[in-house]
Protein backbone atom coordinates (compact mmCIF):
# COMPACT_ATOMS: atom_id res chain seq x y z
CA UNK A 1 -37.01 -20.37 -26.05
CA UNK A 2 -38.81 -17.14 -26.62
CA UNK A 3 -40.93 -15.61 -23.44
CA UNK A 4 -44.11 -14.10 -23.75
CA UNK A 5 -45.15 -11.05 -22.13
CA UNK A 6 -48.02 -12.29 -19.90
CA UNK A 7 -49.15 -8.63 -19.46
CA UNK A 8 -50.07 -8.36 -23.16
CA UNK A 9 -52.58 -11.41 -22.90
CA UNK A 10 -56.06 -11.33 -21.98
CA UNK A 11 -56.17 -12.17 -17.95
CA UNK A 12 -58.82 -11.97 -15.25
CA UNK A 13 -57.76 -13.42 -11.71
CA UNK A 14 -59.46 -16.47 -10.48
CA UNK A 15 -60.55 -17.04 -14.12
CA UNK A 16 -57.92 -19.57 -15.09
CA UNK A 17 -59.86 -21.76 -17.79
CA UNK A 18 -61.17 -18.30 -19.45
CA UNK A 19 -57.72 -17.00 -19.62
CA UNK A 20 -56.42 -20.40 -21.22
CA UNK A 21 -59.20 -20.30 -23.76
CA UNK A 22 -58.44 -16.78 -24.71
CA UNK A 23 -54.73 -17.46 -25.18
CA UNK A 24 -55.64 -20.58 -27.53
CA UNK A 25 -57.80 -18.45 -29.56
CA UNK A 26 -55.20 -15.80 -29.77
CA UNK A 27 -52.70 -18.73 -30.85
CA UNK A 28 -54.84 -19.59 -33.56
CA UNK A 29 -55.25 -16.23 -34.75
CA UNK A 30 -51.25 -15.33 -34.49
CA UNK A 31 -49.56 -18.50 -34.71
CA UNK A 32 -47.15 -17.71 -31.94
CA UNK A 33 -47.59 -21.28 -30.52
CA UNK A 34 -49.19 -24.47 -31.45
CA UNK A 35 -51.51 -25.51 -28.69
CA UNK A 36 -51.70 -29.33 -27.82
CA UNK A 37 -53.75 -29.80 -24.53
CA UNK A 38 -56.03 -27.83 -22.00
CA UNK A 39 -55.04 -29.59 -18.67
CA UNK A 40 -57.42 -29.14 -15.64
CA UNK A 41 -55.90 -29.81 -12.71
CA UNK A 42 -58.40 -31.28 -10.21
CA UNK A 43 -59.15 -34.07 -7.78
CA UNK A 44 -62.15 -35.48 -6.28
CA UNK A 45 -61.67 -33.41 -2.98
CA UNK A 46 -61.49 -30.11 -5.00
CA UNK A 47 -58.28 -29.20 -3.10
CA UNK A 48 -55.25 -29.53 -5.61
CA UNK A 49 -51.80 -28.31 -3.97
CA UNK A 50 -49.89 -26.36 -7.03
CA UNK A 51 -46.63 -25.16 -6.18
CA UNK A 52 -44.78 -22.01 -7.56
CA UNK A 53 -47.89 -20.30 -7.96
CA UNK A 54 -47.90 -16.23 -7.72
CA UNK A 55 -50.35 -16.60 -5.22
CA UNK A 56 -48.09 -18.66 -3.09
CA UNK A 57 -46.83 -17.80 0.37
CA UNK A 58 -43.13 -18.55 0.27
CA UNK A 59 -42.38 -21.94 -0.66
CA UNK A 60 -46.04 -23.33 0.45
CA UNK A 61 -48.35 -24.36 -2.15
CA UNK A 62 -51.58 -22.95 -3.32
CA UNK A 63 -54.69 -25.09 -2.67
CA UNK A 64 -56.80 -24.44 -5.72
CA UNK A 65 -60.48 -26.30 -6.21
CA UNK A 66 -58.86 -26.91 -9.94
CA UNK A 67 -56.38 -25.12 -11.95
CA UNK A 68 -56.19 -24.87 -15.87
CA UNK A 69 -52.99 -24.46 -17.90
CA UNK A 70 -52.52 -25.35 -21.48
CA UNK A 71 -49.69 -27.37 -23.07
CA UNK A 72 -48.17 -26.14 -26.69
CA UNK A 73 -45.50 -26.33 -28.84
CA UNK A 74 -43.17 -23.72 -28.94
CA UNK A 75 -39.78 -23.68 -31.24
CA UNK A 76 -40.27 -27.51 -31.48
CA UNK A 77 -40.46 -27.55 -27.59
CA UNK A 78 -43.55 -28.92 -25.44
CA UNK A 79 -44.00 -25.88 -23.12
CA UNK A 80 -46.69 -25.05 -20.28
CA UNK A 81 -48.50 -21.63 -20.32
CA UNK A 82 -49.89 -21.10 -16.80
CA UNK A 83 -50.71 -17.30 -15.99
CA UNK A 84 -50.51 -17.81 -12.55
CA UNK A 85 -47.27 -19.71 -11.86
CA UNK A 86 -43.62 -18.20 -10.95
CA UNK A 87 -42.20 -20.28 -13.40
CA UNK A 88 -41.63 -18.39 -16.89
CA UNK A 89 -44.08 -17.75 -19.35
CA UNK A 90 -44.20 -20.59 -21.07
CA UNK A 91 -41.67 -23.02 -19.10
CA UNK A 92 -40.46 -26.07 -20.70
CA UNK A 93 -42.93 -28.99 -19.58
CA UNK A 94 -40.27 -30.98 -17.46
CA UNK A 95 -39.07 -27.89 -15.75
CA UNK A 96 -42.73 -26.85 -14.97
CA UNK A 97 -44.04 -30.13 -13.83
CA UNK A 98 -40.82 -30.44 -11.65
CA UNK A 99 -41.66 -26.93 -9.78
CA UNK A 100 -45.52 -27.29 -9.74
CA UNK A 101 -45.71 -30.71 -8.23
CA UNK A 102 -42.34 -31.36 -6.82
CA UNK A 103 -43.68 -33.46 -3.65
CA UNK A 104 -46.56 -35.42 -5.51
CA UNK A 105 -45.66 -38.57 -3.85
CA UNK A 106 -45.41 -37.46 -0.17
CA UNK A 107 -48.74 -35.29 -0.45
CA UNK A 108 -51.51 -36.97 1.08
CA UNK A 109 -53.97 -38.02 -1.34
CA UNK A 110 -56.28 -35.09 -0.52
CA UNK A 111 -54.08 -32.63 -2.15
CA UNK A 112 -52.68 -34.77 -5.15
CA UNK A 113 -53.26 -33.60 -8.41
CA UNK A 114 -55.28 -35.57 -11.34
CA UNK A 115 -55.21 -34.19 -14.77
CA UNK A 116 -57.88 -34.23 -17.15
CA UNK A 117 -56.42 -33.55 -20.77
CA UNK A 118 -58.17 -32.48 -23.50
CA UNK A 119 -57.23 -31.07 -27.27
CA UNK A 120 -57.04 -27.38 -27.24
CA UNK A 121 -58.90 -27.45 -30.54
CA UNK A 122 -62.17 -29.43 -28.62
CA UNK A 123 -61.79 -26.67 -25.64
CA UNK A 124 -61.87 -23.99 -27.90
CA UNK A 125 -65.01 -25.64 -29.95
CA UNK A 126 -66.72 -26.83 -26.72
CA UNK A 127 -66.11 -24.86 -23.63
CA UNK A 128 -68.88 -22.95 -21.74
CA UNK A 129 -68.64 -20.78 -18.32
CA UNK A 130 -71.91 -19.07 -16.99
CA UNK A 131 -69.35 -17.97 -14.48
CA UNK A 132 -71.76 -19.27 -11.47
CA UNK A 133 -69.02 -20.74 -9.74
CA UNK A 134 -67.83 -17.02 -8.67
CA UNK A 135 -71.07 -15.48 -7.98
CA UNK A 136 -71.14 -14.36 -4.56
CA UNK A 137 -67.45 -15.25 -4.22
CA UNK A 138 -65.83 -12.16 -5.51
CA UNK A 139 -67.78 -9.01 -6.67
CA UNK A 140 -69.09 -8.82 -10.30
CA UNK A 141 -66.88 -5.91 -11.00
CA UNK A 142 -64.00 -8.52 -10.61
CA UNK A 143 -65.44 -10.82 -13.53
CA UNK A 144 -63.56 -10.93 -16.79
CA UNK A 145 -64.95 -7.57 -18.97
CA UNK A 146 -65.80 -9.86 -22.10
CA UNK A 147 -69.15 -11.57 -22.55
CA UNK A 148 -69.34 -14.99 -21.36
CA UNK A 149 -67.57 -17.73 -23.33
CA UNK A 150 -69.71 -20.04 -25.19
CA UNK A 151 -69.69 -22.17 -28.27
CA UNK A 152 -71.41 -21.16 -31.61
CA UNK A 153 -73.06 -24.42 -31.45
CA UNK A 154 -74.73 -24.34 -28.01
CA UNK A 155 -75.43 -28.46 -28.54
CA UNK A 156 -71.76 -29.15 -28.06
CA UNK A 157 -71.34 -26.73 -24.97
CA UNK A 158 -69.31 -28.40 -22.13
CA UNK A 159 -69.63 -26.39 -18.96
CA UNK A 160 -66.86 -25.43 -16.56
CA UNK A 161 -68.55 -27.73 -13.69
CA UNK A 162 -68.40 -30.73 -16.43
CA UNK A 163 -64.78 -30.45 -17.05
CA UNK A 164 -63.70 -30.31 -13.58
CA UNK A 165 -65.85 -33.22 -12.34
CA UNK A 166 -63.96 -36.42 -12.82
CA UNK A 167 -67.20 -38.47 -12.58
CA UNK A 168 -68.52 -36.84 -15.89
CA UNK A 169 -67.61 -38.33 -19.24
CA UNK A 170 -66.33 -36.11 -21.87
CA UNK A 171 -65.43 -37.63 -25.11
CA UNK A 172 -61.98 -37.19 -26.12
CA UNK A 173 -60.86 -36.20 -22.76
CA UNK A 174 -58.14 -38.14 -20.76
CA UNK A 175 -57.66 -38.77 -17.04
CA UNK A 176 -53.83 -39.06 -16.02
CA UNK A 177 -51.35 -38.56 -13.34
CA UNK A 178 -48.76 -35.96 -13.75
CA UNK A 179 -46.10 -38.86 -14.67
CA UNK A 180 -48.53 -40.41 -17.20
CA UNK A 181 -48.77 -37.17 -18.93
CA UNK A 182 -45.19 -36.36 -19.39
CA UNK A 183 -44.92 -39.97 -20.53
CA UNK A 184 -47.85 -39.54 -23.31
CA UNK A 185 -45.79 -36.73 -24.64
CA UNK A 186 -42.59 -38.53 -24.92
């Protein structure tokens, strides 16, 4: 499988949702991959254990409040693009899920992932982030250098906070376990 050069992609640490939006936009332009779903890794406690992250210390998981990845077709395979993973970029979906969620069942509920999946096309069309979630957390100089992402039709805007809030109904999105997501792609 073709490996992509992460360093050639638009990337800002701690802005996974925007990094994925930019990646999808580039794929619709350059046709290197066919985006399938944007996957929000979330849970009600805003503390998801994600293994094999570049920010991990040794074999320990990173505890993210949320994380965003992309599933796509590359060379007729379903793969995952995760800018923050130690896995290859991209990695086959089965290998990615095995590395990233290896101990899912033994995890206490507070750290178990829930996936909110939405078509990449809908995400590209509707995603909006005002970056308010990072204001005061990191210096503004660490924010992405480009303008805030917002849809052309602001009536269709869905904020980052809505995407990560499992109580918020978003038409076209699905809420699944990691196992259910893998089964749905079979």
